[in-house]
Every structure is written in structure tokens, then in C-alpha cells.
Amino acid sequence: MQDPKPEVWLRGPIPEIPLLLQPAAHALLQSSEEIERYLLDFPEDKLWIKIAGRASVGFHLQHITGVLDRMMTYAKSENLSELQFNYLSQEGKPNEQLHTKDLIINFQNKTEQAVSFFKTLTEATLKEERTVGRKKLPSTTLGLLFHAAEHSQRHVGQLLVTVSVLTYSEN
């Protein structure tokens, strides 16, 4: 599972991304690379298996994509759409129509959208107040986007442990 390249944050700044968003962009791109690497040759029949009552690999993949999408919506000062609420209600529900490769691509596409969105922001925009959810809890544009990135990293770590347990075999 070793990657010959240095981690994304050690490859230098990403062009056109505001300085304050560099860590979030690096974390999202790192997550994108890691899930692809961790799930190389992952058995499709294990996608929805839960271990010790914890989330399945399928849930983690859906969830990090959904959270990133929702945080970008809030960062734009928009409300969630019915499509987003529907996606949220389906996160983690076993679906034989969804395959590991598709879920990886969905997250990678959402990450590309996020990086493109980051390029449209200014330092002033990052400090603007934003609200989260129906309760309109307080945050900022930077807070939302940082949360999306750290949340993705957290779930990638959980995904790695789940993949490891599901695929571990003594040789």
C-alpha cells in the first residue's frame, strides 16, 4: 500500500488555491488518492459488510462524498436540495447497484469540484459567516470547507481499518 510519491501536502502549493485553503485542498486530494490505493482489488462482496457494529466501506465512501457536497452547498450560502436529502437518507444502505469503483469515482469527482470551487474563493470570502443545516448553526466558509477535509481524512482512516480487517488473511 506504499505510494512512491510524497503525501500531497509535501508536493507544494496547489495553484490558484487561497493560502488558507491549501491544507483543506491537500487533505481532500490525499483522501482521494488513498481510497483508490486502499481499495485496489477490494472484494466487491464485502462493500456493505459491517464489522463490530461499525460502518461499512460502502458507507464511508458514500458519506465522505455526501459531506463534501453538503459542506460546499453551505459554503455557497445555499440550502440543501431534495436530491441531497435523498442522497443523505441512502448513505450506508446496502445497494447492489453501487460498486466500489463507482463510489471511488464519485468521491474523486466531488473532490475535483471542491478544488475548482476553492479557486473561486478569496480570503475575505473564507471569513464570511455561514450557517449549517435546518437549525442554521453558525460557521464560516473556511470552517465548512476545513470540516469537509478533516472529516474526509477521518473516514479514510476508518475505511482503511475496515478494509484491513475484511481482507486480512494469515499467510
N, C-alpha and C. Protein backbone atom coordinates (compact mmCIF):
# COMPACT_ATOMS: atom_id res chain seq x y z
N MET A 1 0.81 -1.20 0.00
CA MET A 1 0.00 0.00 0.00
C MET A 1 0.85 1.26 0.00
N GLN A 2 2.13 1.14 -0.12
CA GLN A 2 3.02 2.30 -0.15
C GLN A 2 2.86 3.07 -1.46
N ASP A 3 2.92 4.38 -1.37
CA ASP A 3 2.86 5.25 -2.53
C ASP A 3 4.26 5.86 -2.71
N PRO A 4 4.85 5.74 -3.91
CA PRO A 4 6.20 6.28 -4.11
C PRO A 4 6.26 7.81 -4.06
N LYS A 5 5.15 8.48 -4.27
CA LYS A 5 5.13 9.94 -4.22
C LYS A 5 5.00 10.41 -2.78
N PRO A 6 5.52 11.60 -2.48
CA PRO A 6 5.27 12.14 -1.14
C PRO A 6 3.78 12.45 -0.98
N GLU A 7 3.36 12.58 0.27
CA GLU A 7 1.96 12.96 0.51
C GLU A 7 1.68 14.29 -0.18
N VAL A 8 0.41 14.52 -0.47
CA VAL A 8 0.02 15.69 -1.26
C VAL A 8 0.52 16.99 -0.64
N TRP A 9 0.45 17.11 0.67
CA TRP A 9 0.86 18.36 1.32
C TRP A 9 2.35 18.64 1.16
N LEU A 10 3.12 17.61 0.82
CA LEU A 10 4.56 17.78 0.63
C LEU A 10 4.94 18.00 -0.83
N ARG A 11 3.95 18.15 -1.67
CA ARG A 11 4.21 18.38 -3.10
C ARG A 11 4.14 19.86 -3.47
N GLY A 12 3.91 20.71 -2.49
CA GLY A 12 3.87 22.14 -2.75
C GLY A 12 2.46 22.67 -2.88
N PRO A 13 2.34 23.98 -2.99
CA PRO A 13 1.03 24.62 -3.09
C PRO A 13 0.31 24.23 -4.38
N ILE A 14 -0.99 24.21 -4.28
CA ILE A 14 -1.83 23.94 -5.46
C ILE A 14 -2.15 25.30 -6.07
N PRO A 15 -1.82 25.47 -7.35
CA PRO A 15 -2.02 26.77 -8.00
C PRO A 15 -3.47 27.27 -7.87
N GLU A 16 -3.58 28.57 -7.63
CA GLU A 16 -4.84 29.31 -7.60
C GLU A 16 -5.70 29.05 -6.37
N ILE A 17 -5.22 28.21 -5.45
CA ILE A 17 -5.98 27.95 -4.22
C ILE A 17 -5.50 28.95 -3.17
N PRO A 18 -6.44 29.67 -2.51
CA PRO A 18 -6.02 30.61 -1.47
C PRO A 18 -5.18 29.91 -0.40
N LEU A 19 -4.22 30.61 0.13
CA LEU A 19 -3.29 30.07 1.12
C LEU A 19 -4.02 29.38 2.27
N LEU A 20 -5.07 30.00 2.78
CA LEU A 20 -5.79 29.43 3.92
C LEU A 20 -6.50 28.11 3.58
N LEU A 21 -6.74 27.87 2.30
CA LEU A 21 -7.42 26.64 1.88
C LEU A 21 -6.46 25.55 1.42
N GLN A 22 -5.17 25.85 1.35
CA GLN A 22 -4.21 24.85 0.92
C GLN A 22 -4.31 23.57 1.76
N PRO A 23 -4.34 23.65 3.10
CA PRO A 23 -4.42 22.41 3.87
C PRO A 23 -5.68 21.59 3.56
N ALA A 24 -6.81 22.26 3.36
CA ALA A 24 -8.05 21.55 3.05
C ALA A 24 -7.95 20.89 1.67
N ALA A 25 -7.41 21.60 0.71
CA ALA A 25 -7.25 21.02 -0.63
C ALA A 25 -6.29 19.83 -0.58
N HIS A 26 -5.20 19.99 0.13
CA HIS A 26 -4.24 18.88 0.26
C HIS A 26 -4.91 17.66 0.90
N ALA A 27 -5.67 17.88 1.97
CA ALA A 27 -6.32 16.76 2.67
C ALA A 27 -7.33 16.05 1.78
N LEU A 28 -8.11 16.80 1.02
CA LEU A 28 -9.09 16.17 0.13
C LEU A 28 -8.40 15.37 -0.98
N LEU A 29 -7.37 15.95 -1.56
CA LEU A 29 -6.65 15.24 -2.62
C LEU A 29 -5.95 14.00 -2.06
N GLN A 30 -5.43 14.11 -0.84
CA GLN A 30 -4.82 12.95 -0.18
C GLN A 30 -5.86 11.86 0.04
N SER A 31 -7.04 12.24 0.51
CA SER A 31 -8.12 11.28 0.71
C SER A 31 -8.47 10.57 -0.59
N SER A 32 -8.56 11.34 -1.65
CA SER A 32 -8.90 10.79 -2.96
C SER A 32 -7.88 9.74 -3.41
N GLU A 33 -6.62 10.06 -3.24
CA GLU A 33 -5.56 9.12 -3.63
C GLU A 33 -5.56 7.88 -2.74
N GLU A 34 -5.77 8.08 -1.45
CA GLU A 34 -5.69 6.97 -0.52
C GLU A 34 -6.83 5.98 -0.71
N ILE A 35 -8.05 6.46 -0.92
CA ILE A 35 -9.13 5.50 -1.08
C ILE A 35 -8.93 4.65 -2.34
N GLU A 36 -8.41 5.27 -3.38
CA GLU A 36 -8.14 4.49 -4.59
C GLU A 36 -7.09 3.41 -4.30
N ARG A 37 -6.05 3.79 -3.59
CA ARG A 37 -4.97 2.83 -3.28
C ARG A 37 -5.45 1.76 -2.30
N TYR A 38 -6.18 2.14 -1.26
CA TYR A 38 -6.62 1.18 -0.25
C TYR A 38 -7.64 0.18 -0.80
N LEU A 39 -8.37 0.60 -1.82
CA LEU A 39 -9.43 -0.26 -2.33
C LEU A 39 -9.06 -0.99 -3.62
N LEU A 40 -7.80 -0.91 -3.98
CA LEU A 40 -7.32 -1.67 -5.14
C LEU A 40 -7.53 -3.15 -4.83
N ASP A 41 -8.24 -3.84 -5.68
CA ASP A 41 -8.53 -5.27 -5.51
C ASP A 41 -9.42 -5.59 -4.31
N PHE A 42 -10.15 -4.61 -3.81
CA PHE A 42 -11.08 -4.87 -2.70
C PHE A 42 -12.23 -5.74 -3.20
N PRO A 43 -12.56 -6.82 -2.48
CA PRO A 43 -13.64 -7.71 -2.92
C PRO A 43 -15.01 -7.02 -2.88
N GLU A 44 -15.67 -7.01 -4.00
CA GLU A 44 -16.96 -6.32 -4.14
C GLU A 44 -18.01 -6.86 -3.16
N ASP A 45 -17.94 -8.12 -2.82
CA ASP A 45 -18.93 -8.71 -1.93
C ASP A 45 -18.76 -8.27 -0.48
N LYS A 46 -17.74 -7.51 -0.18
CA LYS A 46 -17.51 -7.03 1.19
C LYS A 46 -17.86 -5.54 1.35
N LEU A 47 -18.34 -4.91 0.29
CA LEU A 47 -18.59 -3.47 0.29
C LEU A 47 -19.55 -3.02 1.39
N TRP A 48 -20.55 -3.82 1.71
CA TRP A 48 -21.57 -3.39 2.67
C TRP A 48 -21.48 -4.12 4.00
N ILE A 49 -20.42 -4.87 4.23
CA ILE A 49 -20.26 -5.60 5.48
C ILE A 49 -19.84 -4.64 6.60
N LYS A 50 -20.54 -4.77 7.74
CA LYS A 50 -20.20 -4.00 8.94
C LYS A 50 -19.43 -4.91 9.88
N ILE A 51 -18.41 -4.36 10.52
CA ILE A 51 -17.62 -5.11 11.49
C ILE A 51 -17.80 -4.46 12.85
N ALA A 52 -18.09 -5.28 13.85
CA ALA A 52 -18.23 -4.80 15.23
C ALA A 52 -19.22 -3.65 15.33
N GLY A 53 -20.26 -3.69 14.52
CA GLY A 53 -21.29 -2.65 14.55
C GLY A 53 -20.87 -1.32 13.94
N ARG A 54 -19.72 -1.30 13.29
CA ARG A 54 -19.21 -0.07 12.69
C ARG A 54 -19.61 0.00 11.22
N ALA A 55 -19.39 1.16 10.63
CA ALA A 55 -19.82 1.43 9.26
C ALA A 55 -19.09 0.56 8.23
N SER A 56 -19.78 0.28 7.16
CA SER A 56 -19.21 -0.47 6.05
C SER A 56 -18.33 0.43 5.19
N VAL A 57 -17.53 -0.20 4.36
CA VAL A 57 -16.72 0.53 3.39
C VAL A 57 -17.64 1.36 2.49
N GLY A 58 -18.76 0.76 2.07
CA GLY A 58 -19.72 1.48 1.22
C GLY A 58 -20.23 2.75 1.88
N PHE A 59 -20.56 2.65 3.18
CA PHE A 59 -21.00 3.85 3.90
C PHE A 59 -19.92 4.93 3.87
N HIS A 60 -18.69 4.57 4.23
CA HIS A 60 -17.63 5.58 4.27
C HIS A 60 -17.49 6.29 2.93
N LEU A 61 -17.53 5.52 1.85
CA LEU A 61 -17.38 6.12 0.52
C LEU A 61 -18.54 7.05 0.18
N GLN A 62 -19.75 6.62 0.49
CA GLN A 62 -20.90 7.48 0.24
C GLN A 62 -20.86 8.72 1.12
N HIS A 63 -20.53 8.50 2.39
CA HIS A 63 -20.61 9.58 3.37
C HIS A 63 -19.60 10.70 3.09
N ILE A 64 -18.36 10.36 2.79
CA ILE A 64 -17.38 11.43 2.54
C ILE A 64 -17.76 12.24 1.31
N THR A 65 -18.37 11.58 0.33
CA THR A 65 -18.83 12.29 -0.86
C THR A 65 -19.99 13.21 -0.50
N GLY A 66 -20.94 12.68 0.26
CA GLY A 66 -22.11 13.47 0.65
C GLY A 66 -21.76 14.65 1.54
N VAL A 67 -20.88 14.43 2.51
CA VAL A 67 -20.49 15.53 3.41
C VAL A 67 -19.78 16.62 2.63
N LEU A 68 -18.88 16.24 1.74
CA LEU A 68 -18.18 17.25 0.93
C LEU A 68 -19.18 18.06 0.11
N ASP A 69 -20.13 17.38 -0.50
CA ASP A 69 -21.16 18.07 -1.29
C ASP A 69 -21.98 19.02 -0.41
N ARG A 70 -22.38 18.54 0.76
CA ARG A 70 -23.22 19.38 1.63
C ARG A 70 -22.44 20.58 2.17
N MET A 71 -21.18 20.38 2.55
CA MET A 71 -20.39 21.50 3.08
C MET A 71 -20.14 22.55 2.00
N MET A 72 -19.96 22.12 0.76
CA MET A 72 -19.80 23.11 -0.32
C MET A 72 -21.09 23.89 -0.53
N THR A 73 -22.22 23.21 -0.41
CA THR A 73 -23.52 23.89 -0.56
C THR A 73 -23.67 24.96 0.52
N TYR A 74 -23.38 24.58 1.76
CA TYR A 74 -23.46 25.56 2.85
C TYR A 74 -22.44 26.68 2.66
N ALA A 75 -21.26 26.36 2.17
CA ALA A 75 -20.22 27.38 1.94
C ALA A 75 -20.68 28.40 0.89
N LYS A 76 -21.54 27.96 -0.01
CA LYS A 76 -22.10 28.85 -1.03
C LYS A 76 -23.31 29.61 -0.49
N SER A 77 -23.62 29.40 0.78
CA SER A 77 -24.76 30.03 1.43
C SER A 77 -26.08 29.57 0.81
N GLU A 78 -26.13 28.30 0.42
CA GLU A 78 -27.32 27.71 -0.19
C GLU A 78 -27.90 26.66 0.74
N ASN A 79 -29.17 26.33 0.50
CA ASN A 79 -29.84 25.27 1.23
C ASN A 79 -29.66 23.95 0.47
N LEU A 80 -29.75 22.86 1.21
CA LEU A 80 -29.66 21.56 0.56
C LEU A 80 -30.89 21.33 -0.32
N SER A 81 -30.67 20.61 -1.40
CA SER A 81 -31.75 20.27 -2.34
C SER A 81 -32.39 18.95 -1.93
N GLU A 82 -33.53 18.65 -2.53
CA GLU A 82 -34.19 17.36 -2.28
C GLU A 82 -33.28 16.21 -2.69
N LEU A 83 -32.52 16.40 -3.77
CA LEU A 83 -31.58 15.38 -4.21
C LEU A 83 -30.52 15.10 -3.14
N GLN A 84 -30.04 16.16 -2.50
CA GLN A 84 -29.05 16.00 -1.43
C GLN A 84 -29.65 15.32 -0.20
N PHE A 85 -30.88 15.67 0.15
CA PHE A 85 -31.54 15.00 1.27
C PHE A 85 -31.76 13.52 0.96
N ASN A 86 -32.13 13.21 -0.27
CA ASN A 86 -32.32 11.83 -0.68
C ASN A 86 -31.00 11.06 -0.59
N TYR A 87 -29.92 11.68 -1.08
CA TYR A 87 -28.60 11.05 -1.01
C TYR A 87 -28.25 10.74 0.45
N LEU A 88 -28.47 11.73 1.32
CA LEU A 88 -28.17 11.56 2.74
C LEU A 88 -28.95 10.38 3.32
N SER A 89 -30.21 10.26 2.96
CA SER A 89 -31.04 9.17 3.51
C SER A 89 -30.60 7.80 3.03
N GLN A 90 -29.85 7.74 1.94
CA GLN A 90 -29.39 6.46 1.38
C GLN A 90 -27.98 6.07 1.81
N GLU A 91 -27.27 6.99 2.48
CA GLU A 91 -25.89 6.70 2.88
C GLU A 91 -25.85 5.47 3.78
N GLY A 92 -25.07 4.49 3.37
CA GLY A 92 -24.86 3.29 4.17
C GLY A 92 -25.86 2.18 3.95
N LYS A 93 -26.91 2.44 3.19
CA LYS A 93 -27.87 1.38 2.90
C LYS A 93 -27.31 0.50 1.79
N PRO A 94 -27.19 -0.80 2.05
CA PRO A 94 -26.65 -1.69 1.03
C PRO A 94 -27.41 -1.55 -0.29
N ASN A 95 -26.66 -1.42 -1.36
CA ASN A 95 -27.25 -1.23 -2.69
C ASN A 95 -26.37 -1.98 -3.68
N GLU A 96 -26.86 -3.08 -4.17
CA GLU A 96 -26.08 -3.92 -5.08
C GLU A 96 -25.82 -3.22 -6.43
N GLN A 97 -26.52 -2.12 -6.69
CA GLN A 97 -26.29 -1.36 -7.92
C GLN A 97 -25.06 -0.48 -7.83
N LEU A 98 -24.60 -0.24 -6.61
CA LEU A 98 -23.42 0.59 -6.39
C LEU A 98 -22.19 -0.30 -6.26
N HIS A 99 -21.14 0.07 -6.94
CA HIS A 99 -19.90 -0.70 -6.92
C HIS A 99 -18.77 0.17 -6.38
N THR A 100 -17.78 -0.48 -5.82
CA THR A 100 -16.66 0.21 -5.21
C THR A 100 -16.05 1.24 -6.17
N LYS A 101 -15.79 0.82 -7.39
CA LYS A 101 -15.16 1.71 -8.36
C LYS A 101 -16.00 2.96 -8.59
N ASP A 102 -17.32 2.79 -8.69
CA ASP A 102 -18.21 3.93 -8.90
C ASP A 102 -18.19 4.89 -7.71
N LEU A 103 -18.18 4.32 -6.50
CA LEU A 103 -18.16 5.16 -5.30
C LEU A 103 -16.85 5.92 -5.18
N ILE A 104 -15.75 5.29 -5.58
CA ILE A 104 -14.46 5.98 -5.59
C ILE A 104 -14.50 7.13 -6.59
N ILE A 105 -14.98 6.85 -7.78
CA ILE A 105 -15.06 7.89 -8.83
C ILE A 105 -15.95 9.04 -8.37
N ASN A 106 -17.06 8.72 -7.71
CA ASN A 106 -17.95 9.78 -7.21
C ASN A 106 -17.22 10.71 -6.26
N PHE A 107 -16.43 10.13 -5.34
CA PHE A 107 -15.68 10.98 -4.41
C PHE A 107 -14.60 11.78 -5.15
N GLN A 108 -13.91 11.15 -6.06
CA GLN A 108 -12.87 11.85 -6.81
C GLN A 108 -13.46 13.01 -7.62
N ASN A 109 -14.62 12.78 -8.21
CA ASN A 109 -15.28 13.87 -8.95
C ASN A 109 -15.70 15.00 -8.02
N LYS A 110 -16.23 14.64 -6.85
CA LYS A 110 -16.63 15.67 -5.89
C LYS A 110 -15.41 16.43 -5.38
N THR A 111 -14.29 15.74 -5.23
CA THR A 111 -13.05 16.40 -4.81
C THR A 111 -12.59 17.39 -5.89
N GLU A 112 -12.66 16.99 -7.14
CA GLU A 112 -12.29 17.90 -8.24
C GLU A 112 -13.19 19.13 -8.23
N GLN A 113 -14.49 18.93 -7.99
CA GLN A 113 -15.41 20.07 -7.91
C GLN A 113 -15.03 20.99 -6.76
N ALA A 114 -14.66 20.39 -5.63
CA ALA A 114 -14.28 21.19 -4.46
C ALA A 114 -13.03 22.01 -4.75
N VAL A 115 -12.02 21.39 -5.33
CA VAL A 115 -10.78 22.11 -5.64
C VAL A 115 -11.08 23.25 -6.62
N SER A 116 -11.93 23.01 -7.59
CA SER A 116 -12.32 24.08 -8.52
C SER A 116 -13.05 25.19 -7.78
N PHE A 117 -13.95 24.82 -6.86
CA PHE A 117 -14.66 25.80 -6.06
C PHE A 117 -13.70 26.61 -5.19
N PHE A 118 -12.72 25.95 -4.59
CA PHE A 118 -11.73 26.65 -3.77
C PHE A 118 -11.05 27.77 -4.56
N LYS A 119 -10.83 27.54 -5.83
CA LYS A 119 -10.14 28.53 -6.68
C LYS A 119 -10.97 29.79 -6.89
N THR A 120 -12.26 29.71 -6.62
CA THR A 120 -13.13 30.88 -6.82
C THR A 120 -13.22 31.75 -5.57
N LEU A 121 -12.63 31.30 -4.48
CA LEU A 121 -12.79 31.98 -3.20
C LEU A 121 -11.63 32.92 -2.90
N THR A 122 -11.93 33.92 -2.11
CA THR A 122 -10.91 34.87 -1.65
C THR A 122 -10.77 34.74 -0.13
N GLU A 123 -9.72 35.33 0.40
CA GLU A 123 -9.54 35.29 1.85
C GLU A 123 -10.73 35.96 2.55
N ALA A 124 -11.25 37.01 1.97
CA ALA A 124 -12.41 37.68 2.57
C ALA A 124 -13.63 36.75 2.60
N THR A 125 -13.85 36.00 1.52
CA THR A 125 -14.98 35.08 1.45
C THR A 125 -14.83 33.98 2.51
N LEU A 126 -13.61 33.54 2.75
CA LEU A 126 -13.38 32.47 3.71
C LEU A 126 -13.79 32.87 5.12
N LYS A 127 -13.74 34.15 5.43
CA LYS A 127 -14.07 34.65 6.76
C LYS A 127 -15.56 34.95 6.93
N GLU A 128 -16.31 34.86 5.84
CA GLU A 128 -17.74 35.17 5.90
C GLU A 128 -18.51 34.14 6.71
N GLU A 129 -19.49 34.64 7.45
CA GLU A 129 -20.34 33.75 8.25
C GLU A 129 -21.23 32.92 7.34
N ARG A 130 -21.41 31.67 7.73
CA ARG A 130 -22.29 30.75 7.04
C ARG A 130 -23.06 29.97 8.09
N THR A 131 -24.15 29.34 7.70
CA THR A 131 -24.91 28.51 8.63
C THR A 131 -24.99 27.09 8.10
N VAL A 132 -25.24 26.18 9.05
CA VAL A 132 -25.26 24.76 8.74
C VAL A 132 -26.61 24.17 9.14
N GLY A 133 -27.23 23.50 8.19
CA GLY A 133 -28.43 22.73 8.46
C GLY A 133 -29.68 23.54 8.71
N ARG A 134 -30.71 22.80 9.06
CA ARG A 134 -32.03 23.42 9.31
C ARG A 134 -32.01 24.30 10.54
N LYS A 135 -31.12 23.98 11.48
CA LYS A 135 -31.03 24.79 12.71
C LYS A 135 -30.19 26.04 12.50
N LYS A 136 -29.58 26.16 11.32
CA LYS A 136 -28.76 27.34 10.99
C LYS A 136 -27.66 27.56 12.02
N LEU A 137 -26.93 26.49 12.32
CA LEU A 137 -25.84 26.59 13.27
C LEU A 137 -24.70 27.42 12.67
N PRO A 138 -23.99 28.18 13.49
CA PRO A 138 -23.00 29.13 12.96
C PRO A 138 -21.69 28.47 12.52
N SER A 139 -21.15 28.97 11.43
CA SER A 139 -19.84 28.58 10.94
C SER A 139 -19.33 29.70 10.04
N THR A 140 -18.28 29.41 9.31
CA THR A 140 -17.75 30.32 8.29
C THR A 140 -17.48 29.48 7.04
N THR A 141 -17.22 30.14 5.95
CA THR A 141 -16.87 29.41 4.73
C THR A 141 -15.65 28.54 4.99
N LEU A 142 -14.62 29.11 5.62
CA LEU A 142 -13.41 28.34 5.92
C LEU A 142 -13.72 27.17 6.86
N GLY A 143 -14.52 27.41 7.87
CA GLY A 143 -14.87 26.35 8.81
C GLY A 143 -15.56 25.18 8.12
N LEU A 144 -16.48 25.47 7.22
CA LEU A 144 -17.19 24.42 6.49
C LEU A 144 -16.25 23.61 5.62
N LEU A 145 -15.39 24.29 4.91
CA LEU A 145 -14.50 23.59 3.98
C LEU A 145 -13.40 22.83 4.72
N PHE A 146 -12.93 23.40 5.82
CA PHE A 146 -11.97 22.67 6.65
C PHE A 146 -12.61 21.42 7.23
N HIS A 147 -13.85 21.55 7.69
CA HIS A 147 -14.55 20.38 8.24
C HIS A 147 -14.69 19.29 7.18
N ALA A 148 -15.06 19.66 5.97
CA ALA A 148 -15.20 18.66 4.91
C ALA A 148 -13.90 17.90 4.70
N ALA A 149 -12.79 18.61 4.75
CA ALA A 149 -11.48 17.98 4.52
C ALA A 149 -11.07 17.09 5.68
N GLU A 150 -11.18 17.59 6.91
CA GLU A 150 -10.76 16.77 8.06
C GLU A 150 -11.71 15.61 8.25
N HIS A 151 -12.96 15.79 7.96
CA HIS A 151 -13.95 14.73 8.07
C HIS A 151 -13.63 13.61 7.06
N SER A 152 -13.24 14.00 5.87
CA SER A 152 -12.85 13.01 4.85
C SER A 152 -11.65 12.21 5.33
N GLN A 153 -10.64 12.89 5.86
CA GLN A 153 -9.45 12.20 6.35
C GLN A 153 -9.81 11.22 7.48
N ARG A 154 -10.69 11.63 8.36
CA ARG A 154 -11.10 10.76 9.48
C ARG A 154 -11.76 9.49 8.95
N HIS A 155 -12.65 9.66 7.99
CA HIS A 155 -13.35 8.49 7.44
C HIS A 155 -12.43 7.63 6.58
N VAL A 156 -11.46 8.21 5.94
CA VAL A 156 -10.49 7.40 5.18
C VAL A 156 -9.71 6.51 6.14
N GLY A 157 -9.36 7.03 7.30
CA GLY A 157 -8.69 6.22 8.31
C GLY A 157 -9.57 5.07 8.77
N GLN A 158 -10.83 5.36 9.02
CA GLN A 158 -11.75 4.31 9.42
C GLN A 158 -11.94 3.29 8.30
N LEU A 159 -12.02 3.78 7.09
CA LEU A 159 -12.16 2.90 5.92
C LEU A 159 -10.97 1.96 5.82
N LEU A 160 -9.76 2.48 6.03
CA LEU A 160 -8.56 1.64 5.95
C LEU A 160 -8.61 0.51 6.97
N VAL A 161 -9.02 0.81 8.19
CA VAL A 161 -9.11 -0.23 9.21
C VAL A 161 -10.15 -1.28 8.80
N THR A 162 -11.29 -0.84 8.32
CA THR A 162 -12.35 -1.76 7.91
C THR A 162 -11.87 -2.63 6.75
N VAL A 163 -11.25 -2.02 5.75
CA VAL A 163 -10.71 -2.78 4.61
C VAL A 163 -9.69 -3.79 5.11
N SER A 164 -8.83 -3.37 6.00
CA SER A 164 -7.77 -4.25 6.51
C SER A 164 -8.37 -5.46 7.21
N VAL A 165 -9.35 -5.24 8.06
CA VAL A 165 -9.98 -6.35 8.78
C VAL A 165 -10.72 -7.27 7.82
N LEU A 166 -11.44 -6.70 6.87
CA LEU A 166 -12.22 -7.51 5.92
C LEU A 166 -11.34 -8.34 4.98
N THR A 167 -10.14 -7.86 4.71
CA THR A 167 -9.31 -8.55 3.72
C THR A 167 -8.10 -9.25 4.34
N TYR A 168 -7.97 -9.18 5.67
CA TYR A 168 -6.82 -9.77 6.33
C TYR A 168 -6.91 -11.30 6.24
N SER A 169 -5.81 -11.90 5.90
CA SER A 169 -5.72 -13.36 5.96
C SER A 169 -4.31 -13.74 6.36
N GLU A 170 -4.21 -14.74 7.19
CA GLU A 170 -2.89 -15.19 7.61
C GLU A 170 -2.27 -15.99 6.49
N ASN A 171 -1.03 -15.70 6.18
CA ASN A 171 -0.33 -16.44 5.12
C ASN A 171 0.60 -17.47 5.70
